[in-house]
Structures are given as C-alpha cells and as structure tokens.
Amino acid sequence: MIEKSGVPAYLQIADRLREMIQQGVLEPEDSLPSTAQLCDQYGVSASVVKAAISVLRTEGLVIGQQGKGVFVRPAGQNPHPEGDDALIAQLDEIQSAIQDLSGRMAAIEAAVFPKRARTD
C-alpha cells in the first residue's frame, strides 16, 4: 500500500490517517488500528508505524493512553494545554536563536571565505 514516490513511508501513513480523521472515518475518541494491524495493512515495520503516529501526536490529532492504544483527540480539546501565549513565547525564542545563529554563520563564512563575502 506504500507508494515508491520518494515520500517516506511514515509520512504516507501519517497522511492517510490524517485524511481519515479529517473526513470523519476516524471520529473523535475512536481508537486507531493497532501497530500490528497498521504494519500488516501497509507492509512496514513497527518503527515506521510509530514514526507516523508520532507525527500525528505532534500535530495534536491523536493522543496515546499507555496500555490502551492511540485515540483521535476529542473535539475541542486543546492539544497544547500551556496555551497559545506559551507557544508564541516559544516561537519568539526560537526565532531569536535562529537570527543569532544566522549572524554567527555569516561571520564564520566571512572569515573562512573572505573573497566570497566581498563579492556576494
């Protein structure tokens, strides 16, 4: 069931599961198929399935319950309990770090490739 399209198998599986959630095939609080079932269905290893589910967890679409399985997140449940303000603060911190690293990288490039820095 996995296409040889250059897209990693775990992303293809995550895309299919995401579509099923968005189309209502898998509804809030529904259980996802087990890891073994998904392995059989897509012809992949457990690590590939776990990576796909990890993507959906990161997106806030599913939640795992130890010993019970993985479930579609109930409607209206905030996947980020710390709230939007905390997320914005984290994004600001990341943006600041990226700007700092960009400046440091430019300085290193100028030191290592002085001719290239003058012609750019």
C-alpha atoms as a PDB file:
ATOM      1  CA  MET A   1       0.000   0.000   0.000  1.00  0.00           C
ATOM      2  CA  ILE A   2       3.015   2.305   0.338  1.00  0.00           C
ATOM      3  CA  GLU A   3       3.939   4.038  -2.911  1.00  0.00           C
ATOM      4  CA  LYS A   4       7.526   4.319  -4.094  1.00  0.00           C
ATOM      5  CA  SER A   5       7.156   8.055  -4.603  1.00  0.00           C
ATOM      6  CA  GLY A   6      10.186   9.329  -2.729  1.00  0.00           C
ATOM      7  CA  VAL A   7       7.968  10.307   0.216  1.00  0.00           C
ATOM      8  CA  PRO A   8       8.998   8.368   3.337  1.00  0.00           C
ATOM      9  CA  ALA A   9       6.604   5.557   4.285  1.00  0.00           C
ATOM     10  CA  TYR A  10       5.889   7.030   7.725  1.00  0.00           C
ATOM     11  CA  LEU A  11       4.728  10.304   6.141  1.00  0.00           C
ATOM     12  CA  GLN A  12       2.496   8.440   3.692  1.00  0.00           C
ATOM     13  CA  ILE A  13       0.878   6.566   6.575  1.00  0.00           C
ATOM     14  CA  ALA A  14       0.510   9.761   8.616  1.00  0.00           C
ATOM     15  CA  ASP A  15      -1.119  11.438   5.590  1.00  0.00           C
ATOM     16  CA  ARG A  16      -3.619   8.585   5.178  1.00  0.00           C
ATOM     17  CA  LEU A  17      -4.516   8.512   8.866  1.00  0.00           C
ATOM     18  CA  ARG A  18      -4.832  12.325   8.901  1.00  0.00           C
ATOM     19  CA  GLU A  19      -7.205  12.158   5.928  1.00  0.00           C
ATOM     20  CA  MET A  20      -9.292   9.519   7.709  1.00  0.00           C
ATOM     21  CA  ILE A  21      -9.563  11.796  10.755  1.00  0.00           C
ATOM     22  CA  GLN A  22     -10.389  14.896   8.688  1.00  0.00           C
ATOM     23  CA  GLN A  23     -13.008  13.025   6.646  1.00  0.00           C
ATOM     24  CA  GLY A  24     -14.658  11.618   9.765  1.00  0.00           C
ATOM     25  CA  VAL A  25     -13.810   7.988   9.006  1.00  0.00           C
ATOM     26  CA  LEU A  26     -11.991   8.055  12.348  1.00  0.00           C
ATOM     27  CA  GLU A  27     -14.048  10.185  14.723  1.00  0.00           C
ATOM     28  CA  PRO A  28     -13.031  11.880  17.982  1.00  0.00           C
ATOM     29  CA  GLU A  29     -12.258   9.310  20.678  1.00  0.00           C
ATOM     30  CA  ASP A  30     -12.070   6.462  18.114  1.00  0.00           C
ATOM     31  CA  SER A  31      -9.128   4.116  18.516  1.00  0.00           C
ATOM     32  CA  LEU A  32      -6.578   3.942  15.727  1.00  0.00           C
ATOM     33  CA  PRO A  33      -5.818   0.450  14.442  1.00  0.00           C
ATOM     34  CA  SER A  34      -3.108  -1.267  16.469  1.00  0.00           C
ATOM     35  CA  THR A  35       0.538  -1.038  15.470  1.00  0.00           C
ATOM     36  CA  ALA A  36       0.410  -4.666  14.314  1.00  0.00           C
ATOM     37  CA  GLN A  37      -2.689  -4.009  12.189  1.00  0.00           C
ATOM     38  CA  LEU A  38      -1.098  -0.948  10.581  1.00  0.00           C
ATOM     39  CA  CYS A  39       2.117  -2.915   9.936  1.00  0.00           C
ATOM     40  CA  ASP A  40       0.110  -5.603   8.144  1.00  0.00           C
ATOM     41  CA  GLN A  41      -2.036  -3.101   6.252  1.00  0.00           C
ATOM     42  CA  TYR A  42       0.881  -1.051   4.925  1.00  0.00           C
ATOM     43  CA  GLY A  43       3.563  -3.733   4.815  1.00  0.00           C
ATOM     44  CA  VAL A  44       6.000  -1.815   7.022  1.00  0.00           C
ATOM     45  CA  SER A  45       7.836  -2.304  10.313  1.00  0.00           C
ATOM     46  CA  ALA A  46       6.585  -1.198  13.723  1.00  0.00           C
ATOM     47  CA  SER A  47       9.133   1.632  13.815  1.00  0.00           C
ATOM     48  CA  VAL A  48       7.636   3.127  10.636  1.00  0.00           C
ATOM     49  CA  VAL A  49       4.125   2.993  12.108  1.00  0.00           C
ATOM     50  CA  LYS A  50       5.348   4.526  15.383  1.00  0.00           C
ATOM     51  CA  ALA A  51       7.002   7.369  13.459  1.00  0.00           C
ATOM     52  CA  ALA A  52       3.717   8.039  11.613  1.00  0.00           C
ATOM     53  CA  ILE A  53       1.769   8.141  14.863  1.00  0.00           C
ATOM     54  CA  SER A  54       4.401  10.430  16.367  1.00  0.00           C
ATOM     55  CA  VAL A  55       3.760  12.902  13.550  1.00  0.00           C
ATOM     56  CA  LEU A  56       0.034  12.867  14.335  1.00  0.00           C
ATOM     57  CA  ARG A  57       0.739  13.307  18.054  1.00  0.00           C
ATOM     58  CA  THR A  58       2.934  16.314  17.309  1.00  0.00           C
ATOM     59  CA  GLU A  59       0.130  17.792  15.214  1.00  0.00           C
ATOM     60  CA  GLY A  60      -2.262  17.296  18.124  1.00  0.00           C
ATOM     61  CA  LEU A  61      -4.580  14.967  16.201  1.00  0.00           C
ATOM     62  CA  VAL A  62      -4.166  11.881  18.394  1.00  0.00           C
ATOM     63  CA  ILE A  63      -3.363  11.032  21.981  1.00  0.00           C
ATOM     64  CA  GLY A  64      -1.851   7.867  23.385  1.00  0.00           C
ATOM     65  CA  GLN A  65      -3.014   6.085  26.500  1.00  0.00           C
ATOM     66  CA  GLN A  66      -0.468   3.705  27.966  1.00  0.00           C
ATOM     67  CA  GLY A  67      -1.659   0.130  27.631  1.00  0.00           C
ATOM     68  CA  LYS A  68      -4.876   1.133  25.853  1.00  0.00           C
ATOM     69  CA  GLY A  69      -3.874   2.471  22.454  1.00  0.00           C
ATOM     70  CA  VAL A  70      -3.888   5.645  20.415  1.00  0.00           C
ATOM     71  CA  PHE A  71      -7.091   7.643  20.035  1.00  0.00           C
ATOM     72  CA  VAL A  72      -8.339  10.526  17.914  1.00  0.00           C
ATOM     73  CA  ARG A  73      -8.224  13.634  20.090  1.00  0.00           C
ATOM     74  CA  PRO A  74     -11.692  14.658  21.300  1.00  0.00           C
ATOM     75  CA  ALA A  75     -13.110  17.732  19.548  1.00  0.00           C
ATOM     76  CA  GLY A  76     -12.367  20.997  21.305  1.00  0.00           C
ATOM     77  CA  GLN A  77      -9.597  19.540  23.449  1.00  0.00           C
ATOM     78  CA  ASN A  78      -6.591  21.854  23.343  1.00  0.00           C
ATOM     79  CA  PRO A  79      -3.547  19.837  22.238  1.00  0.00           C
ATOM     80  CA  HIS A  80      -1.333  22.467  23.881  1.00  0.00           C
ATOM     81  CA  PRO A  81      -2.540  22.834  27.493  1.00  0.00           C
ATOM     82  CA  GLU A  82       0.024  25.518  28.226  1.00  0.00           C
ATOM     83  CA  GLY A  83      -1.977  27.818  25.933  1.00  0.00           C
ATOM     84  CA  ASP A  84      -1.284  29.988  22.940  1.00  0.00           C
ATOM     85  CA  ASP A  85       0.751  32.568  24.883  1.00  0.00           C
ATOM     86  CA  ALA A  86       3.319  29.946  25.867  1.00  0.00           C
ATOM     87  CA  LEU A  87       3.540  28.732  22.262  1.00  0.00           C
ATOM     88  CA  ILE A  88       4.067  32.271  20.968  1.00  0.00           C
ATOM     89  CA  ALA A  89       6.799  32.800  23.567  1.00  0.00           C
ATOM     90  CA  GLN A  90       8.491  29.576  22.433  1.00  0.00           C
ATOM     91  CA  LEU A  91       8.285  30.656  18.794  1.00  0.00           C
ATOM     92  CA  ASP A  92       9.799  34.057  19.651  1.00  0.00           C
ATOM     93  CA  GLU A  93      12.635  32.307  21.480  1.00  0.00           C
ATOM     94  CA  ILE A  94      13.287  30.004  18.518  1.00  0.00           C
ATOM     95  CA  GLN A  95      13.215  32.914  16.059  1.00  0.00           C
ATOM     96  CA  SER A  96      15.726  34.818  18.192  1.00  0.00           C
ATOM     97  CA  ALA A  97      18.022  31.791  18.338  1.00  0.00           C
ATOM     98  CA  ILE A  98      17.818  31.369  14.557  1.00  0.00           C
ATOM     99  CA  GLN A  99      18.716  35.019  13.997  1.00  0.00           C
ATOM    100  CA  ASP A 100      21.675  34.681  16.361  1.00  0.00           C
ATOM    101  CA  LEU A 101      22.881  31.539  14.602  1.00  0.00           C
ATOM    102  CA  SER A 102      22.449  33.181  11.211  1.00  0.00           C
ATOM    103  CA  GLY A 103      24.671  36.078  12.269  1.00  0.00           C
ATOM    104  CA  ARG A 104      27.291  33.739  13.684  1.00  0.00           C
ATOM    105  CA  MET A 105      27.220  31.651  10.489  1.00  0.00           C
ATOM    106  CA  ALA A 106      27.715  34.749   8.336  1.00  0.00           C
ATOM    107  CA  ALA A 107      30.718  35.769  10.450  1.00  0.00           C
ATOM    108  CA  ILE A 108      32.277  32.312  10.118  1.00  0.00           C
ATOM    109  CA  GLU A 109      31.684  32.250   6.354  1.00  0.00           C
ATOM    110  CA  ALA A 110      33.277  35.696   6.007  1.00  0.00           C
ATOM    111  CA  ALA A 111      36.339  34.502   7.951  1.00  0.00           C
ATOM    112  CA  VAL A 112      36.695  31.242   6.022  1.00  0.00           C
ATOM    113  CA  PHE A 113      35.817  32.588   2.567  1.00  0.00           C
ATOM    114  CA  PRO A 114      36.853  36.275   2.623  1.00  0.00           C
ATOM    115  CA  LYS A 115      36.754  36.700  -1.184  1.00  0.00           C
ATOM    116  CA  ARG A 116      33.292  35.181  -1.446  1.00  0.00           C
ATOM    117  CA  ALA A 117      31.980  37.526   1.278  1.00  0.00           C
ATOM    118  CA  ARG A 118      33.153  40.614  -0.675  1.00  0.00           C
ATOM    119  CA  THR A 119      31.647  39.507  -3.984  1.00  0.00           C
ATOM    120  CA  ASP A 120      28.204  38.496  -2.631  1.00  0.00           C
END
